Amino acid sequence: MMHMTLYWSKEVTLLLDSWRTESWTSYSLTLLACLIASAFYQYMEDRRVRFKLVSAGKPSAQIETPFLRGKLFRGGPKLSAARIGGAALFGFNSAIGYLLMLAVMSFNGGIFLAVVLGLAIGYLLFRSGDGDLAAPVLDNPCACA
């Protein structure tokens, strides 16, 4: 039976019917797998952002984020190898993110904590230095006052 509220137990079915934990050893290994997968998600997100920077040929301080300044149509080829590679990285990372979401939807408290802790550790290790990656792009730098 699927739980509809947060519960704390070593017995959990995660993602597949064949992935069941019934002992503390299997539950601990499952928590470790969730933690590693969450940290890997942050690593892949960092790789995707850096790949986008490198393929655009911009220094890290000149990335343009869509909310700060977006362009509807960009010049250049529509199907370049860099855009296809970026789309593949985005798709792969999205798949990992959705699998993590489904794992949390098992409503097991340990799984929830392992995923959140893994995301925090991954952010600390791989993405906490991203402060220099996004800088606001102003149309008129003199109008800042």
C-alpha atoms as a PDB file:
ATOM      1  CA  MET A   1       0.000   0.000   0.000  1.00  0.00           C
ATOM      2  CA  MET A   2       1.280   3.457  -0.894  1.00  0.00           C
ATOM      3  CA  HIS A   3       1.544   5.931   1.951  1.00  0.00           C
ATOM      4  CA  MET A   4      -0.111   9.314   1.542  1.00  0.00           C
ATOM      5  CA  THR A   5       1.568  10.948   4.531  1.00  0.00           C
ATOM      6  CA  LEU A   6       5.187  11.192   5.629  1.00  0.00           C
ATOM      7  CA  TYR A   7       6.230   8.036   7.459  1.00  0.00           C
ATOM      8  CA  TRP A   8       9.423   6.749   9.062  1.00  0.00           C
ATOM      9  CA  SER A   9      10.220   3.128   8.361  1.00  0.00           C
ATOM     10  CA  LYS A  10      13.023   0.998   6.990  1.00  0.00           C
ATOM     11  CA  GLU A  11      10.512  -0.688   4.699  1.00  0.00           C
ATOM     12  CA  VAL A  12      10.067   1.285   1.513  1.00  0.00           C
ATOM     13  CA  THR A  13       9.412   0.598  -2.162  1.00  0.00           C
ATOM     14  CA  LEU A  14      11.381   3.039  -4.279  1.00  0.00           C
ATOM     15  CA  LEU A  15      10.630   3.721  -7.969  1.00  0.00           C
ATOM     16  CA  LEU A  16      10.222   0.034  -8.915  1.00  0.00           C
ATOM     17  CA  ASP A  17       8.415  -2.893  -7.327  1.00  0.00           C
ATOM     18  CA  SER A  18      11.706  -4.774  -7.302  1.00  0.00           C
ATOM     19  CA  TRP A  19      13.455  -2.020  -5.287  1.00  0.00           C
ATOM     20  CA  ARG A  20      12.174  -2.846  -1.811  1.00  0.00           C
ATOM     21  CA  THR A  21      14.022  -2.446   1.435  1.00  0.00           C
ATOM     22  CA  GLU A  22      13.265  -4.776   4.306  1.00  0.00           C
ATOM     23  CA  SER A  23      16.461  -4.637   6.349  1.00  0.00           C
ATOM     24  CA  TRP A  24      18.482  -1.792   7.793  1.00  0.00           C
ATOM     25  CA  THR A  25      21.330  -2.642   5.432  1.00  0.00           C
ATOM     26  CA  SER A  26      19.226  -2.355   2.284  1.00  0.00           C
ATOM     27  CA  TYR A  27      17.539   0.793   3.627  1.00  0.00           C
ATOM     28  CA  SER A  28      20.914   2.400   4.400  1.00  0.00           C
ATOM     29  CA  LEU A  29      22.234   1.562   0.928  1.00  0.00           C
ATOM     30  CA  THR A  30      19.071   3.030  -0.599  1.00  0.00           C
ATOM     31  CA  LEU A  31      19.533   6.242   1.395  1.00  0.00           C
ATOM     32  CA  LEU A  32      23.159   6.405   0.252  1.00  0.00           C
ATOM     33  CA  ALA A  33      22.085   5.897  -3.381  1.00  0.00           C
ATOM     34  CA  CYS A  34      19.548   8.738  -3.075  1.00  0.00           C
ATOM     35  CA  LEU A  35      22.158  11.017  -1.511  1.00  0.00           C
ATOM     36  CA  ILE A  36      24.702  10.278  -4.260  1.00  0.00           C
ATOM     37  CA  ALA A  37      22.096  10.683  -7.028  1.00  0.00           C
ATOM     38  CA  SER A  38      21.082  14.064  -5.599  1.00  0.00           C
ATOM     39  CA  ALA A  39      24.668  15.288  -5.430  1.00  0.00           C
ATOM     40  CA  PHE A  40      25.218  13.979  -8.976  1.00  0.00           C
ATOM     41  CA  TYR A  41      22.195  16.009 -10.105  1.00  0.00           C
ATOM     42  CA  GLN A  42      23.879  19.186  -8.858  1.00  0.00           C
ATOM     43  CA  TYR A  43      27.140  18.168 -10.541  1.00  0.00           C
ATOM     44  CA  MET A  44      25.382  17.644 -13.871  1.00  0.00           C
ATOM     45  CA  GLU A  45      23.562  20.959 -13.552  1.00  0.00           C
ATOM     46  CA  ASP A  46      26.919  22.665 -13.028  1.00  0.00           C
ATOM     47  CA  ARG A  47      28.337  20.897 -16.110  1.00  0.00           C
ATOM     48  CA  ARG A  48      25.307  21.946 -18.180  1.00  0.00           C
ATOM     49  CA  VAL A  49      25.651  25.615 -17.205  1.00  0.00           C
ATOM     50  CA  ARG A  50      29.392  25.605 -17.856  1.00  0.00           C
ATOM     51  CA  PHE A  51      28.888  23.856 -21.206  1.00  0.00           C
ATOM     52  CA  LYS A  52      26.436  26.578 -22.167  1.00  0.00           C
ATOM     53  CA  LEU A  53      29.004  29.225 -21.265  1.00  0.00           C
ATOM     54  CA  VAL A  54      31.804  27.552 -23.193  1.00  0.00           C
ATOM     55  CA  SER A  55      29.674  26.904 -26.272  1.00  0.00           C
ATOM     56  CA  ALA A  56      28.530  30.538 -26.281  1.00  0.00           C
ATOM     57  CA  GLY A  57      32.163  31.653 -26.118  1.00  0.00           C
ATOM     58  CA  LYS A  58      31.512  34.050 -23.245  1.00  0.00           C
ATOM     59  CA  PRO A  59      33.603  34.668 -20.165  1.00  0.00           C
ATOM     60  CA  SER A  60      31.932  33.425 -16.997  1.00  0.00           C
ATOM     61  CA  ALA A  61      30.929  36.938 -15.894  1.00  0.00           C
ATOM     62  CA  GLN A  62      28.913  37.618 -19.063  1.00  0.00           C
ATOM     63  CA  ILE A  63      26.232  34.936 -18.982  1.00  0.00           C
ATOM     64  CA  GLU A  64      22.823  36.307 -19.826  1.00  0.00           C
ATOM     65  CA  THR A  65      19.982  34.824 -17.829  1.00  0.00           C
ATOM     66  CA  PRO A  66      16.488  34.885 -19.358  1.00  0.00           C
ATOM     67  CA  PHE A  67      14.942  36.909 -16.536  1.00  0.00           C
ATOM     68  CA  LEU A  68      17.548  39.634 -16.734  1.00  0.00           C
ATOM     69  CA  ARG A  69      17.692  39.990 -20.494  1.00  0.00           C
ATOM     70  CA  GLY A  70      16.158  37.531 -22.904  1.00  0.00           C
ATOM     71  CA  LYS A  71      16.156  37.280 -26.655  1.00  0.00           C
ATOM     72  CA  LEU A  72      13.306  35.707 -28.553  1.00  0.00           C
ATOM     73  CA  PHE A  73      15.308  34.794 -31.611  1.00  0.00           C
ATOM     74  CA  ARG A  74      19.054  34.248 -31.594  1.00  0.00           C
ATOM     75  CA  GLY A  75      21.274  34.489 -34.588  1.00  0.00           C
ATOM     76  CA  GLY A  76      23.275  31.525 -35.730  1.00  0.00           C
ATOM     77  CA  PRO A  77      22.520  27.973 -36.698  1.00  0.00           C
ATOM     78  CA  LYS A  78      19.432  26.405 -35.169  1.00  0.00           C
ATOM     79  CA  LEU A  79      20.854  22.871 -34.953  1.00  0.00           C
ATOM     80  CA  SER A  80      24.502  23.192 -34.047  1.00  0.00           C
ATOM     81  CA  ALA A  81      26.410  20.463 -32.225  1.00  0.00           C
ATOM     82  CA  ALA A  82      26.657  22.693 -29.145  1.00  0.00           C
ATOM     83  CA  ARG A  83      22.886  23.238 -29.003  1.00  0.00           C
ATOM     84  CA  ILE A  84      22.182  19.528 -29.462  1.00  0.00           C
ATOM     85  CA  GLY A  85      24.722  18.685 -26.745  1.00  0.00           C
ATOM     86  CA  GLY A  86      23.182  21.272 -24.428  1.00  0.00           C
ATOM     87  CA  ALA A  87      19.721  19.865 -25.072  1.00  0.00           C
ATOM     88  CA  ALA A  88      20.958  16.332 -24.351  1.00  0.00           C
ATOM     89  CA  LEU A  89      22.518  17.460 -21.060  1.00  0.00           C
ATOM     90  CA  PHE A  90      19.300  19.273 -20.166  1.00  0.00           C
ATOM     91  CA  GLY A  91      17.210  16.178 -20.924  1.00  0.00           C
ATOM     92  CA  PHE A  92      19.497  13.891 -18.930  1.00  0.00           C
ATOM     93  CA  ASN A  93      19.494  16.250 -15.966  1.00  0.00           C
ATOM     94  CA  SER A  94      15.712  16.624 -16.146  1.00  0.00           C
ATOM     95  CA  ALA A  95      15.327  12.840 -16.051  1.00  0.00           C
ATOM     96  CA  ILE A  96      17.475  12.646 -12.908  1.00  0.00           C
ATOM     97  CA  GLY A  97      15.458  15.447 -11.335  1.00  0.00           C
ATOM     98  CA  TYR A  98      12.141  13.746 -12.046  1.00  0.00           C
ATOM     99  CA  LEU A  99      13.414  10.428 -10.665  1.00  0.00           C
ATOM    100  CA  LEU A 100      14.488  12.218  -7.486  1.00  0.00           C
ATOM    101  CA  MET A 101      11.051  13.804  -7.268  1.00  0.00           C
ATOM    102  CA  LEU A 102       9.409  10.395  -7.612  1.00  0.00           C
ATOM    103  CA  ALA A 103      11.710   9.008  -4.911  1.00  0.00           C
ATOM    104  CA  VAL A 104      10.623  11.775  -2.529  1.00  0.00           C
ATOM    105  CA  MET A 105       7.011  10.977  -3.424  1.00  0.00           C
ATOM    106  CA  SER A 106       7.464   7.620  -1.698  1.00  0.00           C
ATOM    107  CA  PHE A 107       6.734   9.760   1.404  1.00  0.00           C
ATOM    108  CA  ASN A 108       9.479   8.053   3.382  1.00  0.00           C
ATOM    109  CA  GLY A 109      11.104  10.552   5.739  1.00  0.00           C
ATOM    110  CA  GLY A 110      14.563   9.049   5.356  1.00  0.00           C
ATOM    111  CA  ILE A 111      14.388   9.208   1.565  1.00  0.00           C
ATOM    112  CA  PHE A 112      13.238  12.829   1.764  1.00  0.00           C
ATOM    113  CA  LEU A 113      16.108  13.782   4.060  1.00  0.00           C
ATOM    114  CA  ALA A 114      18.671  11.886   1.950  1.00  0.00           C
ATOM    115  CA  VAL A 115      17.581  13.677  -1.234  1.00  0.00           C
ATOM    116  CA  VAL A 116      17.549  17.121   0.399  1.00  0.00           C
ATOM    117  CA  LEU A 117      20.908  16.506   2.078  1.00  0.00           C
ATOM    118  CA  GLY A 118      22.380  15.230  -1.214  1.00  0.00           C
ATOM    119  CA  LEU A 119      21.148  18.321  -3.051  1.00  0.00           C
ATOM    120  CA  ALA A 120      22.655  20.579  -0.377  1.00  0.00           C
ATOM    121  CA  ILE A 121      25.986  18.725  -0.408  1.00  0.00           C
ATOM    122  CA  GLY A 122      26.068  18.764  -4.212  1.00  0.00           C
ATOM    123  CA  TYR A 123      25.330  22.474  -4.253  1.00  0.00           C
ATOM    124  CA  LEU A 124      28.070  23.113  -1.700  1.00  0.00           C
ATOM    125  CA  LEU A 125      30.628  21.034  -3.623  1.00  0.00           C
ATOM    126  CA  PHE A 126      29.791  21.924  -7.209  1.00  0.00           C
ATOM    127  CA  ARG A 127      27.697  25.075  -7.437  1.00  0.00           C
ATOM    128  CA  SER A 128      28.301  27.361  -4.474  1.00  0.00           C
ATOM    129  CA  GLY A 129      30.970  29.239  -6.426  1.00  0.00           C
ATOM    130  CA  ASP A 130      28.483  30.200  -9.167  1.00  0.00           C
ATOM    131  CA  GLY A 131      28.098  33.756  -7.894  1.00  0.00           C
ATOM    132  CA  ASP A 132      30.296  34.976 -10.722  1.00  0.00           C
ATOM    133  CA  LEU A 133      28.353  33.116 -13.430  1.00  0.00           C
ATOM    134  CA  ALA A 134      25.317  35.382 -13.582  1.00  0.00           C
ATOM    135  CA  ALA A 135      25.658  39.120 -13.765  1.00  0.00           C
ATOM    136  CA  PRO A 136      22.902  41.567 -14.656  1.00  0.00           C
ATOM    137  CA  VAL A 137      23.137  42.932 -18.176  1.00  0.00           C
ATOM    138  CA  LEU A 138      22.071  46.551 -18.331  1.00  0.00           C
ATOM    139  CA  ASP A 139      20.993  48.207 -21.562  1.00  0.00           C
ATOM    140  CA  ASN A 140      22.106  51.610 -20.335  1.00  0.00           C
ATOM    141  CA  PRO A 141      24.804  51.341 -17.651  1.00  0.00           C
ATOM    142  CA  CYS A 142      24.584  55.074 -16.912  1.00  0.00           C
ATOM    143  CA  ALA A 143      20.954  54.799 -15.808  1.00  0.00           C
ATOM    144  CA  CYS A 144      21.860  52.865 -12.655  1.00  0.00           C
ATOM    145  CA  ALA A 145      21.304  55.736 -10.227  1.00  0.00           C
END
